[in-house]
Amino acid sequence: MDCTVGFKGFAGSETPVSEGLAGSETQGGAAERMGAASAVTAAGVSPGLVYSRISRRRVCSSSLVVYPLDAKERHFQQGIKRRGGGMRQAVQGFSEDSKRRMLFTFRNVVGLRVLVTLTYPGQFSTDGREVKRHWDNMRRWLARRGVAGAWFMEFQARGAPHFHCFLTGEVPKQEVAAAWFRIVGSGDERHLRAGTRIEALRELHAAGAYAAKYLKKQEQKEVPEGFSDVGRFWGLFGGLSVEPVAQVNSEERIDTSTGEVLPGLAVPAARVMRGLVNARRRAAGRPKFKDSGRQGFTGYGCGPAMAQYLICNNPEV
């Protein structure tokens, strides 16, 4: 965006005084400015002003993505780089950002029906790379049987790691126990009988409740002394992913029945979601939600309400 900026030249001065000019200038620069001044005069504008280019205003767009339980509002500004990317560093612990991502993922992934818990025998490795090789072999074994899942790892009081895995289908306990027994090279018959537990999930989104409960056990997230290369604490496998149920942005849209140009739904929908979040916070005696407005926010538990709002306001969603 070009704007006319600067100040009128002082009386008696041969050149106008412009904000941002400092020091001496070359003859070529002066000639270029004189040419610009002549063009301005020809256009009927006072030559006492100096034209200067200022930075373009960053264009901001937003989107609202609705998931089975939650909804996310995001802002995108041209010229601003989003965080992330680059070479991944070695994982040293369970970060707060990773905890938030895990909670959101486990709340909104669908189709999980079974919880499998895998523990180690009395003798276990303290090398995280070997532990993750065990788990990689186990999840590949599960994937070959046609099931996908979400998993997380924690540590027992004795310092041994163990895995909780939510699966999309059932696998016989005897087969799971035998596979885990073989993969870790246990050799302990007691581990074959008691090293695996399987239970059915009663609720549709039970994995999210398990994850919230799991995240409260801070003592089981601390990496024990002597345990090296811990690696990731959670993840998905077998092609499982979190899929949105609806998404809108701030760009204008066209009503297919009338041809009318309508404003985008992202901004008003985000306003509705913020009102819903703050109403719940007031009911719980918590302060009003505020943010910088730069990157948006997540409305936990707002997914069903926002999906209904979008359907009512835009049947094509």
C-alpha atoms as a PDB file:
ATOM      1  CA  MET A   1       0.000   0.000   0.000  1.00  0.00           C
ATOM      2  CA  ASP A   2       1.504   3.341  -1.078  1.00  0.00           C
ATOM      3  CA  CYS A   3       0.902   6.399   1.041  1.00  0.00           C
ATOM      4  CA  THR A   4       2.050   9.983   0.839  1.00  0.00           C
ATOM      5  CA  VAL A   5       4.114  10.747   3.891  1.00  0.00           C
ATOM      6  CA  GLY A   6       6.494  13.518   4.875  1.00  0.00           C
ATOM      7  CA  PHE A   7       6.426  17.174   5.732  1.00  0.00           C
ATOM      8  CA  LYS A   8       6.296  20.439   3.844  1.00  0.00           C
ATOM      9  CA  GLY A   9       9.702  21.924   3.129  1.00  0.00           C
ATOM     10  CA  PHE A  10      10.784  24.734   5.369  1.00  0.00           C
ATOM     11  CA  ALA A  11      10.494  28.190   3.915  1.00  0.00           C
ATOM     12  CA  GLY A  12      13.510  29.015   1.829  1.00  0.00           C
ATOM     13  CA  SER A  13      14.755  25.412   1.621  1.00  0.00           C
ATOM     14  CA  GLU A  14      15.452  23.944  -1.804  1.00  0.00           C
ATOM     15  CA  THR A  15      14.459  20.386  -0.894  1.00  0.00           C
ATOM     16  CA  PRO A  16      11.623  19.127   1.245  1.00  0.00           C
ATOM     17  CA  VAL A  17      12.360  17.593   4.616  1.00  0.00           C
ATOM     18  CA  SER A  18      11.106  13.969   4.758  1.00  0.00           C
ATOM     19  CA  GLU A  19      10.738  11.702   7.716  1.00  0.00           C
ATOM     20  CA  GLY A  20      13.157   8.831   7.480  1.00  0.00           C
ATOM     21  CA  LEU A  21      15.856  10.723   5.489  1.00  0.00           C
ATOM     22  CA  ALA A  22      19.154  10.971   7.289  1.00  0.00           C
ATOM     23  CA  GLY A  23      22.694  11.917   6.317  1.00  0.00           C
ATOM     24  CA  SER A  24      23.894  13.013   2.889  1.00  0.00           C
ATOM     25  CA  GLU A  25      22.606  11.707  -0.442  1.00  0.00           C
ATOM     26  CA  THR A  26      24.328  11.226  -3.793  1.00  0.00           C
ATOM     27  CA  GLN A  27      23.672  13.344  -6.842  1.00  0.00           C
ATOM     28  CA  GLY A  28      21.893  10.402  -8.467  1.00  0.00           C
ATOM     29  CA  GLY A  29      19.568  10.123  -5.481  1.00  0.00           C
ATOM     30  CA  ALA A  30      18.852  13.842  -5.614  1.00  0.00           C
ATOM     31  CA  ALA A  31      18.113  13.652  -9.334  1.00  0.00           C
ATOM     32  CA  GLU A  32      15.768  10.757  -8.783  1.00  0.00           C
ATOM     33  CA  ARG A  33      13.916  12.737  -6.130  1.00  0.00           C
ATOM     34  CA  MET A  34      13.698  15.760  -8.434  1.00  0.00           C
ATOM     35  CA  GLY A  35      12.204  13.559 -11.152  1.00  0.00           C
ATOM     36  CA  ALA A  36       9.634  12.219  -8.693  1.00  0.00           C
ATOM     37  CA  ALA A  37       8.799  15.763  -7.599  1.00  0.00           C
ATOM     38  CA  SER A  38       8.212  16.794 -11.232  1.00  0.00           C
ATOM     39  CA  ALA A  39       5.850  13.868 -11.716  1.00  0.00           C
ATOM     40  CA  VAL A  40       3.955  14.846  -8.594  1.00  0.00           C
ATOM     41  CA  THR A  41       3.662  18.448  -9.779  1.00  0.00           C
ATOM     42  CA  ALA A  42       2.281  17.244 -13.100  1.00  0.00           C
ATOM     43  CA  ALA A  43      -0.343  15.272 -11.227  1.00  0.00           C
ATOM     44  CA  GLY A  44      -1.509  18.402  -9.446  1.00  0.00           C
ATOM     45  CA  VAL A  45      -0.030  17.563  -6.053  1.00  0.00           C
ATOM     46  CA  SER A  46       2.124  19.974  -4.102  1.00  0.00           C
ATOM     47  CA  PRO A  47       5.850  19.355  -4.685  1.00  0.00           C
ATOM     48  CA  GLY A  48       6.418  20.101  -1.015  1.00  0.00           C
ATOM     49  CA  LEU A  49       5.506  16.491  -0.203  1.00  0.00           C
ATOM     50  CA  VAL A  50       7.833  13.536  -0.615  1.00  0.00           C
ATOM     51  CA  TYR A  51       6.412  10.179  -1.632  1.00  0.00           C
ATOM     52  CA  SER A  52       7.752   7.243   0.335  1.00  0.00           C
ATOM     53  CA  ARG A  53       6.757   3.588   0.373  1.00  0.00           C
ATOM     54  CA  ILE A  54       5.665   2.146   3.708  1.00  0.00           C
ATOM     55  CA  SER A  55       5.234  -1.506   4.633  1.00  0.00           C
ATOM     56  CA  ARG A  56       2.064  -3.247   3.566  1.00  0.00           C
ATOM     57  CA  ARG A  57      -0.448  -4.023   6.224  1.00  0.00           C
ATOM     58  CA  ARG A  58      -0.375  -7.731   6.989  1.00  0.00           C
ATOM     59  CA  VAL A  59      -3.458  -9.502   5.726  1.00  0.00           C
ATOM     60  CA  CYS A  60      -5.012 -11.660   8.437  1.00  0.00           C
ATOM     61  CA  SER A  61      -7.316 -14.575   7.789  1.00  0.00           C
ATOM     62  CA  SER A  62      -8.818 -17.024  10.232  1.00  0.00           C
ATOM     63  CA  SER A  63     -10.393 -20.443  10.275  1.00  0.00           C
ATOM     64  CA  LEU A  64     -12.582 -22.405  12.646  1.00  0.00           C
ATOM     65  CA  VAL A  65     -12.146 -26.181  12.684  1.00  0.00           C
ATOM     66  CA  VAL A  66     -14.706 -28.303  14.530  1.00  0.00           C
ATOM     67  CA  TYR A  67     -13.794 -31.743  15.885  1.00  0.00           C
ATOM     68  CA  PRO A  68     -15.968 -34.387  17.583  1.00  0.00           C
ATOM     69  CA  LEU A  69     -15.551 -32.854  21.068  1.00  0.00           C
ATOM     70  CA  ASP A  70     -13.573 -29.644  20.689  1.00  0.00           C
ATOM     71  CA  ALA A  71     -13.116 -26.763  18.259  1.00  0.00           C
ATOM     72  CA  LYS A  72     -10.118 -24.673  17.264  1.00  0.00           C
ATOM     73  CA  GLU A  73      -9.865 -21.110  16.022  1.00  0.00           C
ATOM     74  CA  ARG A  74      -6.679 -20.172  14.200  1.00  0.00           C
ATOM     75  CA  HIS A  75      -5.336 -16.899  12.821  1.00  0.00           C
ATOM     76  CA  PHE A  76      -2.903 -16.625   9.918  1.00  0.00           C
ATOM     77  CA  GLN A  77      -1.015 -13.435   9.044  1.00  0.00           C
ATOM     78  CA  GLN A  78       0.992 -12.917   5.914  1.00  0.00           C
ATOM     79  CA  GLY A  79       4.616 -12.229   6.607  1.00  0.00           C
ATOM     80  CA  ILE A  80       4.615 -13.934  10.019  1.00  0.00           C
ATOM     81  CA  LYS A  81       6.285 -17.305  10.308  1.00  0.00           C
ATOM     82  CA  ARG A  82       4.525 -19.895  12.375  1.00  0.00           C
ATOM     83  CA  ARG A  83       6.479 -21.655  15.068  1.00  0.00           C
ATOM     84  CA  GLY A  84       7.631 -25.188  14.447  1.00  0.00           C
ATOM     85  CA  GLY A  85       9.548 -27.019  11.795  1.00  0.00           C
ATOM     86  CA  GLY A  86      13.263 -27.595  11.596  1.00  0.00           C
ATOM     87  CA  MET A  87      15.239 -30.506  12.957  1.00  0.00           C
ATOM     88  CA  ARG A  88      13.613 -32.329  15.853  1.00  0.00           C
ATOM     89  CA  GLN A  89      15.711 -32.366  19.000  1.00  0.00           C
ATOM     90  CA  ALA A  90      16.085 -35.313  21.344  1.00  0.00           C
ATOM     91  CA  VAL A  91      13.161 -35.629  23.759  1.00  0.00           C
ATOM     92  CA  GLN A  92      14.272 -34.953  27.330  1.00  0.00           C
ATOM     93  CA  GLY A  93      10.895 -35.078  29.059  1.00  0.00           C
ATOM     94  CA  PHE A  94       7.156 -34.609  28.736  1.00  0.00           C
ATOM     95  CA  SER A  95       6.652 -30.923  27.840  1.00  0.00           C
ATOM     96  CA  GLU A  96       3.512 -28.884  28.524  1.00  0.00           C
ATOM     97  CA  ASP A  97       2.922 -28.364  24.798  1.00  0.00           C
ATOM     98  CA  SER A  98       3.098 -32.113  24.228  1.00  0.00           C
ATOM     99  CA  LYS A  99       0.611 -32.678  27.061  1.00  0.00           C
ATOM    100  CA  ARG A 100      -1.888 -30.266  25.492  1.00  0.00           C
ATOM    101  CA  ARG A 101      -1.543 -31.883  22.079  1.00  0.00           C
ATOM    102  CA  MET A 102      -1.994 -35.327  23.584  1.00  0.00           C
ATOM    103  CA  LEU A 103      -5.129 -34.335  25.486  1.00  0.00           C
ATOM    104  CA  PHE A 104      -6.687 -32.780  22.379  1.00  0.00           C
ATOM    105  CA  THR A 105      -5.788 -35.795  20.224  1.00  0.00           C
ATOM    106  CA  PHE A 106      -7.128 -38.417  22.621  1.00  0.00           C
ATOM    107  CA  ARG A 107     -10.342 -36.429  23.168  1.00  0.00           C
ATOM    108  CA  ASN A 108     -11.107 -36.164  19.464  1.00  0.00           C
ATOM    109  CA  VAL A 109      -9.895 -39.410  17.921  1.00  0.00           C
ATOM    110  CA  VAL A 110     -12.810 -41.769  17.282  1.00  0.00           C
ATOM    111  CA  GLY A 111     -13.259 -45.512  16.987  1.00  0.00           C
ATOM    112  CA  LEU A 112     -11.218 -46.640  20.010  1.00  0.00           C
ATOM    113  CA  ARG A 113     -12.856 -49.652  21.662  1.00  0.00           C
ATOM    114  CA  VAL A 114     -10.231 -51.538  23.687  1.00  0.00           C
ATOM    115  CA  LEU A 115      -7.526 -50.582  26.196  1.00  0.00           C
ATOM    116  CA  VAL A 116      -4.408 -52.762  26.345  1.00  0.00           C
ATOM    117  CA  THR A 117      -1.772 -52.323  29.064  1.00  0.00           C
ATOM    118  CA  LEU A 118       1.716 -53.765  28.520  1.00  0.00           C
ATOM    119  CA  THR A 119       4.207 -54.018  31.392  1.00  0.00           C
ATOM    120  CA  TYR A 120       7.774 -55.285  31.736  1.00  0.00           C
ATOM    121  CA  PRO A 121       8.985 -58.190  33.864  1.00  0.00           C
ATOM    122  CA  GLY A 122      11.192 -57.811  36.930  1.00  0.00           C
ATOM    123  CA  GLN A 123      14.243 -57.295  34.752  1.00  0.00           C
ATOM    124  CA  PHE A 124      13.831 -54.457  32.240  1.00  0.00           C
ATOM    125  CA  SER A 125      15.975 -52.252  30.056  1.00  0.00           C
ATOM    126  CA  THR A 126      16.787 -48.648  30.996  1.00  0.00           C
ATOM    127  CA  ASP A 127      17.763 -47.789  27.423  1.00  0.00           C
ATOM    128  CA  GLY A 128      14.903 -45.826  25.877  1.00  0.00           C
ATOM    129  CA  ARG A 129      15.950 -46.806  22.366  1.00  0.00           C
ATOM    130  CA  GLU A 130      15.599 -50.500  23.173  1.00  0.00           C
ATOM    131  CA  VAL A 131      12.258 -49.902  24.898  1.00  0.00           C
ATOM    132  CA  LYS A 132      10.955 -48.068  21.821  1.00  0.00           C
ATOM    133  CA  ARG A 133      12.180 -50.898  19.577  1.00  0.00           C
ATOM    134  CA  HIS A 134      10.073 -53.247  21.679  1.00  0.00           C
ATOM    135  CA  TRP A 135       7.070 -50.981  21.279  1.00  0.00           C
ATOM    136  CA  ASP A 136       7.648 -50.475  17.533  1.00  0.00           C
ATOM    137  CA  ASN A 137       7.676 -54.235  17.014  1.00  0.00           C
ATOM    138  CA  MET A 138       4.513 -54.586  19.091  1.00  0.00           C
ATOM    139  CA  ARG A 139       2.555 -51.913  17.261  1.00  0.00           C
ATOM    140  CA  ARG A 140       3.570 -53.399  13.919  1.00  0.00           C
ATOM    141  CA  TRP A 141       2.308 -56.758  15.174  1.00  0.00           C
ATOM    142  CA  LEU A 142      -1.002 -55.119  16.107  1.00  0.00           C
ATOM    143  CA  ALA A 143      -1.249 -53.279  12.765  1.00  0.00           C
ATOM    144  CA  ARG A 144      -0.780 -56.549  10.874  1.00  0.00           C
ATOM    145  CA  ARG A 145      -3.912 -57.777  12.625  1.00  0.00           C
ATOM    146  CA  GLY A 146      -5.921 -54.911  11.204  1.00  0.00           C
ATOM    147  CA  VAL A 147      -6.140 -52.635  14.242  1.00  0.00           C
ATOM    148  CA  ALA A 148      -4.959 -49.055  14.713  1.00  0.00           C
ATOM    149  CA  GLY A 149      -4.570 -47.180  17.945  1.00  0.00           C
ATOM    150  CA  ALA A 150      -3.309 -44.426  20.208  1.00  0.00           C
ATOM    151  CA  TRP A 151      -0.696 -45.069  22.890  1.00  0.00           C
ATOM    152  CA  PHE A 152       1.103 -43.389  25.746  1.00  0.00           C
ATOM    153  CA  MET A 153       3.951 -44.389  28.027  1.00  0.00           C
ATOM    154  CA  GLU A 154       4.525 -43.812  31.714  1.00  0.00           C
ATOM    155  CA  PHE A 155       6.814 -45.093  34.454  1.00  0.00           C
ATOM    156  CA  GLN A 156       5.966 -47.277  37.415  1.00  0.00           C
ATOM    157  CA  ALA A 157       7.244 -46.616  40.924  1.00  0.00           C
ATOM    158  CA  ARG A 158       9.989 -49.206  40.384  1.00  0.00           C
ATOM    159  CA  GLY A 159      11.241 -47.201  37.378  1.00  0.00           C
ATOM    160  CA  ALA A 160      10.008 -49.596  34.697  1.00  0.00           C
ATOM    161  CA  PRO A 161       8.223 -48.150  31.644  1.00  0.00           C
ATOM    162  CA  HIS A 162       4.840 -49.500  30.587  1.00  0.00           C
ATOM    163  CA  PHE A 163       2.458 -48.739  27.734  1.00  0.00           C
ATOM    164  CA  HIS A 164      -1.260 -48.035  27.537  1.00  0.00           C
ATOM    165  CA  CYS A 165      -2.652 -48.635  24.065  1.00  0.00           C
ATOM    166  CA  PHE A 166      -6.192 -47.839  22.864  1.00  0.00           C
ATOM    167  CA  LEU A 167      -7.174 -50.014  19.910  1.00  0.00           C
ATOM    168  CA  THR A 168      -9.879 -49.764  17.263  1.00  0.00           C
ATOM    169  CA  GLY A 169     -10.586 -53.509  17.411  1.00  0.00           C
ATOM    170  CA  GLU A 170     -10.283 -56.553  19.604  1.00  0.00           C
ATOM    171  CA  VAL A 171      -7.317 -58.912  19.683  1.00  0.00           C
ATOM    172  CA  PRO A 172      -7.326 -62.114  21.816  1.00  0.00           C
ATOM    173  CA  LYS A 173      -5.519 -61.583  25.108  1.00  0.00           C
ATOM    174  CA  GLN A 174      -3.553 -64.812  24.801  1.00  0.00           C
ATOM    175  CA  GLU A 175      -2.132 -63.699  21.455  1.00  0.00           C
ATOM    176  CA  VAL A 176      -1.243 -60.220  22.729  1.00  0.00           C
ATOM    177  CA  ALA A 177       0.422 -61.646  25.859  1.00  0.00           C
ATOM    178  CA  ALA A 178       2.435 -64.171  23.845  1.00  0.00           C
ATOM    179  CA  ALA A 179       3.569 -61.525  21.342  1.00  0.00           C
ATOM    180  CA  TRP A 180       4.676 -59.063  24.044  1.00  0.00           C
ATOM    181  CA  PHE A 181       6.391 -61.865  25.991  1.00  0.00           C
ATOM    182  CA  ARG A 182       8.358 -62.829  22.883  1.00  0.00           C
ATOM    183  CA  ILE A 183       9.213 -59.274  21.801  1.00  0.00           C
ATOM    184  CA  VAL A 184      10.726 -58.221  25.146  1.00  0.00           C
ATOM    185  CA  GLY A 185      12.505 -61.556  25.559  1.00  0.00           C
ATOM    186  CA  SER A 186      11.095 -62.001  29.024  1.00  0.00           C
ATOM    187  CA  GLY A 187      11.563 -65.675  29.860  1.00  0.00           C
ATOM    188  CA  ASP A 188       9.516 -65.190  33.048  1.00  0.00           C
ATOM    189  CA  GLU A 189       6.333 -67.271  33.037  1.00  0.00           C
ATOM    190  CA  ARG A 190       4.731 -64.946  35.587  1.00  0.00           C
ATOM    191  CA  HIS A 191       5.175 -62.098  33.106  1.00  0.00           C
ATOM    192  CA  LEU A 192       3.454 -64.158  30.412  1.00  0.00           C
ATOM    193  CA  ARG A 193       0.398 -64.504  32.662  1.00  0.00           C
ATOM    194  CA  ALA A 194       0.324 -61.025  34.249  1.00  0.00           C
ATOM    195  CA  GLY A 195       2.278 -58.730  31.914  1.00  0.00           C
ATOM    196  CA  THR A 196      -0.745 -57.882  29.744  1.00  0.00           C
ATOM    197  CA  ARG A 197      -4.194 -56.565  30.600  1.00  0.00           C
ATOM    198  CA  ILE A 198      -7.104 -55.927  28.198  1.00  0.00           C
ATOM    199  CA  GLU A 199     -10.377 -54.169  28.965  1.00  0.00           C
ATOM    200  CA  ALA A 200     -13.264 -52.874  26.852  1.00  0.00           C
ATOM    201  CA  LEU A 201     -14.049 -49.146  26.762  1.00  0.00           C
ATOM    202  CA  ARG A 202     -17.612 -48.419  27.846  1.00  0.00           C
ATOM    203  CA  GLU A 203     -17.857 -44.819  26.611  1.00  0.00           C
ATOM    204  CA  LEU A 204     -17.454 -43.417  23.108  1.00  0.00           C
ATOM    205  CA  HIS A 205     -14.764 -40.901  24.106  1.00  0.00           C
ATOM    206  CA  ALA A 206     -13.311 -42.810  27.043  1.00  0.00           C
ATOM    207  CA  ALA A 207      -9.765 -42.364  25.713  1.00  0.00           C
ATOM    208  CA  GLY A 208      -9.995 -38.621  26.404  1.00  0.00           C
ATOM    209  CA  ALA A 209     -11.026 -39.260  30.020  1.00  0.00           C
ATOM    210  CA  TYR A 210      -8.158 -41.727  30.427  1.00  0.00           C
ATOM    211  CA  ALA A 211      -5.732 -39.184  28.970  1.00  0.00           C
ATOM    212  CA  ALA A 212      -6.918 -36.424  31.325  1.00  0.00           C
ATOM    213  CA  LYS A 213      -6.489 -38.756  34.289  1.00  0.00           C
ATOM    214  CA  TYR A 214      -3.094 -39.869  33.019  1.00  0.00           C
ATOM    215  CA  LEU A 215      -1.819 -36.303  32.685  1.00  0.00           C
ATOM    216  CA  LYS A 216      -2.537 -35.668  36.372  1.00  0.00           C
ATOM    217  CA  LYS A 217      -0.063 -38.368  37.403  1.00  0.00           C
ATOM    218  CA  GLN A 218       2.974 -36.130  37.229  1.00  0.00           C
ATOM    219  CA  GLU A 219       5.138 -38.540  39.226  1.00  0.00           C
ATOM    220  CA  GLN A 220       4.741 -41.138  36.460  1.00  0.00           C
ATOM    221  CA  LYS A 221       5.973 -38.678  33.801  1.00  0.00           C
ATOM    222  CA  GLU A 222       9.318 -38.020  35.453  1.00  0.00           C
ATOM    223  CA  VAL A 223      12.093 -39.910  33.701  1.00  0.00           C
ATOM    224  CA  PRO A 224      13.781 -42.151  36.315  1.00  0.00           C
ATOM    225  CA  GLU A 225      17.427 -41.605  37.076  1.00  0.00           C
ATOM    226  CA  GLY A 226      19.568 -43.818  34.869  1.00  0.00           C
ATOM    227  CA  PHE A 227      16.948 -44.106  32.115  1.00  0.00           C
ATOM    228  CA  SER A 228      18.371 -42.729  28.863  1.00  0.00           C
ATOM    229  CA  ASP A 229      16.931 -41.651  25.499  1.00  0.00           C
ATOM    230  CA  VAL A 230      13.329 -41.646  26.671  1.00  0.00           C
ATOM    231  CA  GLY A 231      11.886 -40.603  23.294  1.00  0.00           C
ATOM    232  CA  ARG A 232       8.229 -39.773  22.705  1.00  0.00           C
ATOM    233  CA  PHE A 233       5.621 -40.283  25.405  1.00  0.00           C
ATOM    234  CA  TRP A 234       2.599 -40.786  23.132  1.00  0.00           C
ATOM    235  CA  GLY A 235       1.460 -41.169  19.540  1.00  0.00           C
ATOM    236  CA  LEU A 236      -0.899 -42.732  16.982  1.00  0.00           C
ATOM    237  CA  PHE A 237      -0.303 -45.709  14.713  1.00  0.00           C
ATOM    238  CA  GLY A 238      -1.954 -47.793  12.028  1.00  0.00           C
ATOM    239  CA  GLY A 239      -3.140 -44.773  10.025  1.00  0.00           C
ATOM    240  CA  LEU A 240      -5.277 -43.392  12.847  1.00  0.00           C
ATOM    241  CA  SER A 241      -5.696 -39.606  12.844  1.00  0.00           C
ATOM    242  CA  VAL A 242      -7.904 -36.851  14.219  1.00  0.00           C
ATOM    243  CA  GLU A 243     -10.414 -35.846  11.545  1.00  0.00           C
ATOM    244  CA  PRO A 244     -12.445 -32.605  11.667  1.00  0.00           C
ATOM    245  CA  VAL A 245     -16.206 -32.754  11.227  1.00  0.00           C
ATOM    246  CA  ALA A 246     -16.514 -29.222   9.808  1.00  0.00           C
ATOM    247  CA  GLN A 247     -14.302 -26.302   8.832  1.00  0.00           C
ATOM    248  CA  VAL A 248     -14.984 -22.711   7.785  1.00  0.00           C
ATOM    249  CA  ASN A 249     -12.760 -19.713   7.082  1.00  0.00           C
ATOM    250  CA  SER A 250     -13.052 -15.949   6.988  1.00  0.00           C
ATOM    251  CA  GLU A 251     -13.208 -15.667   3.192  1.00  0.00           C
ATOM    252  CA  GLU A 252     -16.400 -14.571   1.497  1.00  0.00           C
ATOM    253  CA  ARG A 253     -18.723 -17.305   0.230  1.00  0.00           C
ATOM    254  CA  ILE A 254     -21.493 -17.458  -2.362  1.00  0.00           C
ATOM    255  CA  ASP A 255     -24.993 -18.661  -1.605  1.00  0.00           C
ATOM    256  CA  THR A 256     -25.554 -21.339  -4.246  1.00  0.00           C
ATOM    257  CA  SER A 257     -29.327 -20.816  -4.243  1.00  0.00           C
ATOM    258  CA  THR A 258     -29.392 -17.019  -4.609  1.00  0.00           C
ATOM    259  CA  GLY A 259     -25.887 -16.176  -5.833  1.00  0.00           C
ATOM    260  CA  GLU A 260     -25.544 -13.666  -3.000  1.00  0.00           C
ATOM    261  CA  VAL A 261     -22.052 -12.986  -1.674  1.00  0.00           C
ATOM    262  CA  LEU A 262     -21.990 -13.703   2.058  1.00  0.00           C
ATOM    263  CA  PRO A 263     -19.272 -13.026   4.639  1.00  0.00           C
ATOM    264  CA  GLY A 264     -17.149 -15.873   5.921  1.00  0.00           C
ATOM    265  CA  LEU A 265     -18.397 -17.791   8.940  1.00  0.00           C
ATOM    266  CA  ALA A 266     -15.114 -18.131  10.824  1.00  0.00           C
ATOM    267  CA  VAL A 267     -15.208 -14.766  12.613  1.00  0.00           C
ATOM    268  CA  PRO A 268     -18.839 -14.846  13.858  1.00  0.00           C
ATOM    269  CA  ALA A 269     -18.522 -18.534  14.739  1.00  0.00           C
ATOM    270  CA  ALA A 270     -15.385 -17.858  16.764  1.00  0.00           C
ATOM    271  CA  ARG A 271     -17.237 -15.049  18.550  1.00  0.00           C
ATOM    272  CA  VAL A 272     -20.008 -17.473  19.460  1.00  0.00           C
ATOM    273  CA  MET A 273     -17.466 -20.015  20.706  1.00  0.00           C
ATOM    274  CA  ARG A 274     -15.715 -17.437  22.870  1.00  0.00           C
ATOM    275  CA  GLY A 275     -19.066 -16.493  24.387  1.00  0.00           C
ATOM    276  CA  LEU A 276     -19.765 -20.146  25.113  1.00  0.00           C
ATOM    277  CA  VAL A 277     -16.353 -20.626  26.725  1.00  0.00           C
ATOM    278  CA  ASN A 278     -16.719 -17.528  28.889  1.00  0.00           C
ATOM    279  CA  ALA A 279     -20.243 -18.504  29.968  1.00  0.00           C
ATOM    280  CA  ARG A 280     -18.870 -21.809  31.222  1.00  0.00           C
ATOM    281  CA  ARG A 281     -15.980 -20.064  32.941  1.00  0.00           C
ATOM    282  CA  ARG A 282     -18.336 -17.656  34.712  1.00  0.00           C
ATOM    283  CA  ALA A 283     -20.475 -20.570  35.880  1.00  0.00           C
ATOM    284  CA  ALA A 284     -17.349 -22.198  37.315  1.00  0.00           C
ATOM    285  CA  GLY A 285     -16.220 -18.970  39.000  1.00  0.00           C
ATOM    286  CA  ARG A 286     -13.219 -18.554  36.710  1.00  0.00           C
ATOM    287  CA  PRO A 287     -12.020 -15.280  35.101  1.00  0.00           C
ATOM    288  CA  LYS A 288     -12.891 -14.309  31.546  1.00  0.00           C
ATOM    289  CA  PHE A 289     -10.801 -15.898  28.823  1.00  0.00           C
ATOM    290  CA  LYS A 290      -8.445 -13.465  27.079  1.00  0.00           C
ATOM    291  CA  ASP A 291      -5.745 -14.010  24.494  1.00  0.00           C
ATOM    292  CA  SER A 292      -3.552 -11.979  22.168  1.00  0.00           C
ATOM    293  CA  GLY A 293      -5.828 -12.661  19.184  1.00  0.00           C
ATOM    294  CA  ARG A 294      -2.848 -13.717  17.080  1.00  0.00           C
ATOM    295  CA  GLN A 295      -3.044 -17.492  16.991  1.00  0.00           C
ATOM    296  CA  GLY A 296      -6.544 -18.296  18.184  1.00  0.00           C
ATOM    297  CA  PHE A 297      -7.520 -20.746  20.878  1.00  0.00           C
ATOM    298  CA  THR A 298      -9.101 -24.132  21.574  1.00  0.00           C
ATOM    299  CA  GLY A 299     -12.638 -24.422  22.893  1.00  0.00           C
ATOM    300  CA  TYR A 300     -12.747 -27.662  24.867  1.00  0.00           C
ATOM    301  CA  GLY A 301     -16.168 -29.277  24.808  1.00  0.00           C
ATOM    302  CA  CYS A 302     -17.447 -26.822  22.165  1.00  0.00           C
ATOM    303  CA  GLY A 303     -17.368 -29.211  19.206  1.00  0.00           C
ATOM    304  CA  PRO A 304     -21.013 -30.393  19.179  1.00  0.00           C
ATOM    305  CA  ALA A 305     -22.424 -26.891  19.800  1.00  0.00           C
ATOM    306  CA  MET A 306     -20.256 -25.310  17.086  1.00  0.00           C
ATOM    307  CA  ALA A 307     -21.128 -28.061  14.604  1.00  0.00           C
ATOM    308  CA  GLN A 308     -24.824 -27.330  15.185  1.00  0.00           C
ATOM    309  CA  TYR A 309     -24.207 -23.593  14.788  1.00  0.00           C
ATOM    310  CA  LEU A 310     -22.456 -24.086  11.439  1.00  0.00           C
ATOM    311  CA  ILE A 311     -25.177 -26.421  10.165  1.00  0.00           C
ATOM    312  CA  CYS A 312     -27.869 -23.871  11.051  1.00  0.00           C
ATOM    313  CA  ASN A 313     -26.003 -20.978   9.411  1.00  0.00           C
ATOM    314  CA  ASN A 314     -24.572 -22.813   6.432  1.00  0.00           C
ATOM    315  CA  PRO A 315     -26.247 -26.093   5.407  1.00  0.00           C
ATOM    316  CA  GLU A 316     -23.399 -26.751   2.948  1.00  0.00           C
ATOM    317  CA  VAL A 317     -20.874 -27.267   5.775  1.00  0.00           C
END
